[in-house]
Amino acid sequence: MPSWLGTLEELGELDLSSNNLHGDIPKSLGNCSNLLKLSLHGNILTGSIPEELGNLTSLNVLNLQRNNISGTIPKTIENCRKLFELRVSENSLTGSIPDEIGKLTELQVILDLSHNSFSGEIPTSLGNLIKLERLNLSCNHLQGKIPSSLAKLTSLHRLNLSNNDLRGRIPETFSGFPVSSFQGNSPEGLCGRPMEVCLRSGGKKGMSNAAVVGIIAVIVFSSTVICLVMVYIMVRMWCHWREVAISSTVDGGGGAGREQRREMRGRKGGDDQFWKLSQLVQ
């Protein structure tokens, strides 16, 4: 990009997107104080974001995505207080997300810092961007918890914090976003709706679905074994009771027969004695 672009101080819009421009972004662009839109996305620009871009106090749109820009976001970005769209995704930017971005309270359309190598925690100052409708911080190396201050972003209708190293509880305000907005974080992971529920004792997530299914399977199997054992015991008890009942019936029947035979013999003996007594009388 030629440095003489910086001499166009009355320039209102500069769109050089989707070309094969290479090299650094000219620092001289900071002289274009009337610039409202700067769009350089889709090139092969390298180097860092010039601090001089902080002089563009009238800037509404800054789009530097899909280049090979490295380094950090300059803190002078806070001077661009009229920005309502900031895109620097798909570069090689590093370092932490500057707190100064939280001062860009006119940001509304989108803040897209995705697909870089940002590290550290999400600044709590982002909670000041109450007009923001889309926030994309995915595919970085962001750590720690989601700041509770982000719950103030009630205008958000798109959110992507996936593929970072975030952990802890998801603010209740974000429960309406899809699971894909939070997937791919640290092993401890995020918990709370729409993800898995958090344990009461802390921010760790609950058991996985596989663990729950395994526990249910063990409980069902154990219950089945216990039921079968109980049925077996009951059958054995019933069989034993039946054997005792049959044995008692047989023994009881034999005793009655013997008693009847004794009675019949007794009667027969009495009749014989009566007959002999009758003969003696005659």
Protein backbone atom coordinates (compact mmCIF):
# COMPACT_ATOMS: atom_id res chain seq x y z
CA MET A 1 0.00 0.00 0.00
CA PRO A 2 1.47 3.37 -0.98
CA SER A 3 2.22 5.78 1.82
CA TRP A 4 0.87 8.72 -0.21
CA LEU A 5 -2.65 7.56 0.69
CA GLY A 6 -2.08 9.48 3.89
CA THR A 7 -2.10 12.75 2.01
CA LEU A 8 -5.78 12.33 1.13
CA GLU A 9 -6.86 14.07 4.29
CA GLU A 10 -10.40 14.70 3.06
CA LEU A 11 -10.95 11.04 2.18
CA GLY A 12 -14.20 9.76 3.63
CA GLU A 13 -14.02 6.05 2.68
CA LEU A 14 -11.16 3.76 1.71
CA ASP A 15 -12.07 0.26 0.56
CA LEU A 16 -9.21 -1.83 -0.85
CA SER A 17 -10.61 -5.19 0.20
CA SER A 18 -10.26 -8.53 -1.64
CA ASN A 19 -7.04 -7.77 -3.49
CA ASN A 20 -3.47 -9.03 -3.28
CA LEU A 21 -2.03 -6.09 -1.38
CA HIS A 22 0.95 -6.99 0.76
CA GLY A 23 3.36 -5.29 3.13
CA ASP A 24 2.51 -3.14 6.12
CA ILE A 25 -0.48 -0.89 6.66
CA PRO A 26 0.91 2.65 6.10
CA LYS A 27 1.15 4.70 9.27
CA SER A 28 0.33 7.75 7.14
CA LEU A 29 -3.33 6.61 7.05
CA GLY A 30 -3.56 8.18 10.47
CA ASN A 31 -3.57 11.57 8.73
CA CYS A 32 -6.91 10.86 7.07
CA SER A 33 -8.81 12.34 9.98
CA ASN A 34 -12.12 12.49 8.09
CA LEU A 35 -12.12 8.82 7.24
CA LEU A 36 -15.41 7.10 8.10
CA LYS A 37 -14.70 3.65 6.69
CA LEU A 38 -11.45 1.75 6.31
CA SER A 39 -11.79 -1.69 4.76
CA LEU A 40 -8.64 -3.66 3.94
CA HIS A 41 -9.91 -7.22 4.44
CA GLY A 42 -9.07 -10.12 2.17
CA ASN A 43 -5.48 -9.17 1.35
CA ILE A 44 -2.07 -10.46 2.44
CA LEU A 45 -1.08 -7.52 4.58
CA THR A 46 1.55 -8.15 7.23
CA GLY A 47 3.11 -6.26 10.09
CA SER A 48 1.15 -4.75 12.95
CA ILE A 49 -1.82 -2.44 13.29
CA PRO A 50 -0.35 1.09 13.34
CA GLU A 51 -0.96 3.08 16.50
CA GLU A 52 -1.63 6.04 14.23
CA LEU A 53 -5.03 4.57 13.34
CA GLY A 54 -6.09 5.87 16.72
CA ASN A 55 -6.09 9.35 15.12
CA LEU A 56 -9.11 8.39 13.02
CA THR A 57 -11.59 9.76 15.51
CA SER A 58 -14.42 9.89 12.98
CA LEU A 59 -14.06 6.26 11.93
CA ASN A 60 -17.26 4.19 11.93
CA VAL A 61 -16.06 0.97 10.27
CA LEU A 62 -12.67 -0.73 10.60
CA ASN A 63 -12.32 -4.04 8.78
CA LEU A 64 -8.90 -5.70 8.70
CA GLN A 65 -9.96 -9.34 8.71
CA ARG A 66 -8.42 -12.14 6.61
CA ASN A 67 -4.85 -10.86 6.38
CA ASN A 68 -1.55 -11.87 8.00
CA ILE A 69 -1.41 -9.03 10.49
CA SER A 70 0.49 -9.81 13.69
CA GLY A 71 1.27 -8.11 16.98
CA THR A 72 -1.32 -6.63 19.31
CA ILE A 73 -4.28 -4.32 19.04
CA PRO A 74 -2.89 -0.84 19.89
CA LYS A 75 -4.36 0.84 22.95
CA THR A 76 -4.89 3.96 20.86
CA ILE A 77 -7.95 2.19 19.47
CA GLU A 78 -9.85 3.79 22.37
CA ASN A 79 -9.74 7.10 20.52
CA CYS A 80 -11.97 5.75 17.77
CA ARG A 81 -15.06 6.37 19.90
CA LYS A 82 -17.44 6.46 16.91
CA LEU A 83 -16.72 2.92 15.76
CA PHE A 84 -19.83 0.80 15.43
CA GLU A 85 -18.16 -2.08 13.54
CA LEU A 86 -14.73 -3.59 14.32
CA ARG A 87 -13.46 -6.69 12.52
CA VAL A 88 -9.90 -8.02 12.86
CA SER A 89 -10.61 -11.75 12.62
CA GLU A 90 -8.53 -14.36 10.78
CA ASN A 91 -5.15 -12.79 11.40
CA SER A 92 -2.21 -13.66 13.65
CA LEU A 93 -2.83 -11.14 16.40
CA THR A 94 -1.49 -12.00 19.85
CA GLY A 95 -1.46 -10.68 23.39
CA SER A 96 -4.49 -9.87 25.47
CA ILE A 97 -7.64 -8.12 24.36
CA PRO A 98 -7.07 -4.50 25.43
CA ASP A 99 -9.37 -3.08 28.09
CA GLU A 100 -9.60 0.03 25.94
CA ILE A 101 -12.02 -1.71 23.59
CA GLY A 102 -14.57 -1.40 26.38
CA LYS A 103 -14.52 2.37 25.81
CA LEU A 104 -15.91 1.97 22.29
CA THR A 105 -19.45 2.24 23.57
CA GLU A 106 -20.90 2.98 20.11
CA LEU A 107 -19.97 -0.51 18.87
CA GLN A 108 -23.21 -2.02 17.67
CA VAL A 109 -22.99 -4.09 14.49
CA ILE A 110 -20.19 -6.46 15.50
CA LEU A 111 -16.98 -6.95 17.44
CA ASP A 112 -15.14 -9.79 15.72
CA LEU A 113 -11.76 -10.84 17.14
CA SER A 114 -12.05 -14.50 16.20
CA HIS A 115 -9.43 -16.81 14.67
CA ASN A 116 -6.39 -15.14 16.17
CA SER A 117 -4.07 -16.03 19.03
CA PHE A 118 -5.37 -13.74 21.75
CA SER A 119 -4.66 -14.96 25.28
CA GLY A 120 -5.49 -13.94 28.83
CA GLU A 121 -8.95 -13.30 30.19
CA ILE A 122 -11.91 -11.61 28.54
CA PRO A 123 -11.84 -7.98 29.73
CA THR A 124 -14.65 -7.06 32.07
CA SER A 125 -14.81 -3.71 30.27
CA LEU A 126 -16.56 -5.42 27.34
CA GLY A 127 -19.65 -5.29 29.51
CA ASN A 128 -19.83 -1.57 28.68
CA LEU A 129 -20.71 -2.32 25.05
CA ILE A 130 -24.41 -2.40 25.78
CA LYS A 131 -25.39 -1.64 22.15
CA LEU A 132 -23.44 -4.58 20.75
CA GLU A 133 -25.46 -7.06 18.71
CA ARG A 134 -22.77 -9.57 17.70
CA LEU A 135 -19.69 -10.68 19.63
CA ASN A 136 -17.26 -13.24 18.24
CA LEU A 137 -14.20 -14.20 20.30
CA SER A 138 -13.97 -17.80 19.07
CA CYS A 139 -10.83 -19.73 18.15
CA ASN A 140 -8.34 -17.97 20.40
CA HIS A 141 -6.53 -18.92 23.60
CA LEU A 142 -8.69 -16.97 26.01
CA GLN A 143 -8.68 -18.27 29.58
CA GLY A 144 -10.55 -17.91 32.83
CA LYS A 145 -14.23 -17.35 33.37
CA ILE A 146 -16.77 -15.44 31.35
CA PRO A 147 -17.00 -12.06 33.13
CA SER A 148 -20.32 -11.50 34.87
CA SER A 149 -20.25 -7.98 33.42
CA LEU A 150 -21.08 -9.45 30.00
CA ALA A 151 -24.56 -10.15 31.35
CA LYS A 152 -25.23 -6.47 30.66
CA LEU A 153 -25.00 -7.10 26.90
CA THR A 154 -28.74 -7.51 26.53
CA SER A 155 -28.71 -6.42 22.87
CA LEU A 156 -26.66 -9.44 21.78
CA HIS A 157 -28.37 -11.78 19.35
CA ARG A 158 -25.21 -13.59 18.22
CA LEU A 159 -22.45 -14.81 20.51
CA ASN A 160 -19.50 -17.10 19.87
CA LEU A 161 -17.00 -17.96 22.61
CA SER A 162 -16.19 -21.44 21.32
CA ASN A 163 -12.75 -23.03 20.98
CA ASN A 164 -10.92 -21.23 23.77
CA ASP A 165 -9.73 -22.26 27.23
CA LEU A 166 -12.67 -20.81 29.12
CA ARG A 167 -14.19 -22.47 32.18
CA GLY A 168 -16.76 -21.88 34.88
CA ARG A 169 -20.39 -20.88 34.89
CA ILE A 170 -22.12 -19.34 31.89
CA PRO A 171 -24.06 -16.18 32.81
CA GLU A 172 -27.80 -16.84 32.91
CA THR A 173 -28.30 -14.06 30.35
CA PHE A 174 -26.62 -16.28 27.74
CA SER A 175 -28.79 -19.35 28.36
CA GLY A 176 -30.76 -18.73 25.17
CA PHE A 177 -27.74 -19.08 22.87
CA PRO A 178 -27.01 -22.45 21.21
CA VAL A 179 -24.54 -24.97 22.61
CA SER A 180 -22.23 -24.26 19.65
CA SER A 181 -21.55 -20.81 21.12
CA PHE A 182 -19.62 -22.40 24.01
CA GLN A 183 -18.22 -25.71 22.76
CA GLY A 184 -14.52 -26.58 22.50
CA ASN A 185 -13.22 -24.92 25.66
CA SER A 186 -10.92 -26.22 28.41
CA PRO A 187 -11.20 -29.77 29.87
CA GLU A 188 -12.93 -28.31 32.93
CA GLY A 189 -15.15 -26.55 30.43
CA LEU A 190 -18.12 -24.29 30.78
CA CYS A 191 -21.27 -25.27 32.60
CA GLY A 192 -24.77 -23.96 33.01
CA ARG A 193 -27.45 -23.57 30.40
CA PRO A 194 -27.30 -24.28 27.51
CA MET A 195 -24.41 -26.60 28.47
CA GLU A 196 -24.49 -29.21 31.25
CA VAL A 197 -25.61 -28.15 34.68
CA CYS A 198 -23.05 -26.95 37.23
CA LEU A 199 -22.47 -28.68 40.53
CA ARG A 200 -23.69 -26.68 43.51
CA SER A 201 -20.31 -26.86 45.19
CA GLY A 202 -18.52 -24.95 42.46
CA GLY A 203 -18.24 -24.08 38.82
CA LYS A 204 -17.37 -27.54 37.58
CA LYS A 205 -19.78 -29.14 35.22
CA GLY A 206 -21.91 -32.15 36.06
CA MET A 207 -21.40 -35.68 34.87
CA SER A 208 -21.30 -36.35 31.18
CA ASN A 209 -24.15 -38.08 29.41
CA ALA A 210 -22.04 -41.22 29.05
CA ALA A 211 -21.42 -41.34 32.81
CA VAL A 212 -25.13 -40.91 33.54
CA VAL A 213 -26.04 -43.70 31.10
CA GLY A 214 -23.41 -45.95 32.70
CA ILE A 215 -24.75 -45.35 36.20
CA ILE A 216 -28.32 -46.03 35.07
CA ALA A 217 -27.19 -49.28 33.39
CA VAL A 218 -25.45 -50.42 36.61
CA ILE A 219 -28.55 -49.62 38.67
CA VAL A 220 -30.83 -51.51 36.28
CA PHE A 221 -28.50 -54.51 36.17
CA SER A 222 -28.16 -54.61 39.96
CA SER A 223 -31.93 -54.34 40.42
CA THR A 224 -32.49 -57.18 37.94
CA VAL A 225 -30.00 -59.44 39.76
CA ILE A 226 -31.59 -58.68 43.14
CA CYS A 227 -35.07 -59.44 41.78
CA LEU A 228 -33.91 -62.75 40.30
CA VAL A 229 -32.28 -63.75 43.59
CA MET A 230 -35.46 -62.92 45.50
CA VAL A 231 -37.59 -64.91 43.05
CA TYR A 232 -35.21 -67.87 43.40
CA ILE A 233 -35.40 -67.72 47.21
CA MET A 234 -39.20 -67.53 47.11
CA VAL A 235 -39.41 -70.52 44.76
CA ARG A 236 -37.13 -72.54 47.02
CA MET A 237 -39.21 -71.63 50.05
CA TRP A 238 -42.42 -72.58 48.25
CA CYS A 239 -40.97 -75.95 47.17
CA HIS A 240 -39.82 -76.68 50.72
CA TRP A 241 -43.24 -75.76 52.12
CA ARG A 242 -44.94 -78.02 49.59
CA GLU A 243 -42.72 -80.98 50.51
CA VAL A 244 -43.51 -80.48 54.20
CA ALA A 245 -47.23 -80.23 53.48
CA ILE A 246 -47.27 -83.43 51.43
CA SER A 247 -45.26 -85.29 54.07
CA SER A 248 -47.66 -84.17 56.82
CA THR A 249 -50.65 -85.29 54.76
CA VAL A 250 -49.20 -88.76 54.23
CA ASP A 251 -48.32 -89.20 57.90
CA GLY A 252 -51.72 -87.98 59.02
CA GLY A 253 -53.57 -90.38 56.66
CA GLY A 254 -51.60 -93.43 57.88
CA GLY A 255 -52.40 -92.70 61.53
CA ALA A 256 -56.13 -92.47 60.84
CA GLY A 257 -56.08 -95.83 59.04
CA ARG A 258 -54.35 -97.54 61.93
CA GLU A 259 -56.82 -96.04 64.39
CA GLN A 260 -59.73 -97.31 62.29
CA ARG A 261 -58.26 -100.80 62.14
CA ARG A 262 -57.85 -100.86 65.94
CA GLU A 263 -61.48 -99.81 66.36
CA MET A 264 -62.69 -102.57 64.03
CA ARG A 265 -60.62 -105.20 65.86
CA GLY A 266 -62.03 -103.96 69.12
CA ARG A 267 -65.58 -104.35 67.86
CA LYS A 268 -64.88 -107.86 66.54
CA GLY A 269 -63.42 -108.96 69.85
CA GLY A 270 -66.51 -107.71 71.69
CA ASP A 271 -68.83 -109.60 69.40
CA ASP A 272 -66.91 -112.88 69.97
CA GLN A 273 -67.08 -112.47 73.71
CA PHE A 274 -70.86 -111.81 73.52
CA TRP A 275 -71.40 -114.97 71.39
CA LYS A 276 -69.42 -117.18 73.85
CA LEU A 277 -71.40 -115.76 76.78
CA SER A 278 -74.67 -116.59 75.01
CA GLN A 279 -73.62 -120.23 74.51
CA LEU A 280 -72.82 -120.61 78.20
CA VAL A 281 -76.26 -119.32 79.18
CA GLN A 282 -77.97 -121.81 76.88
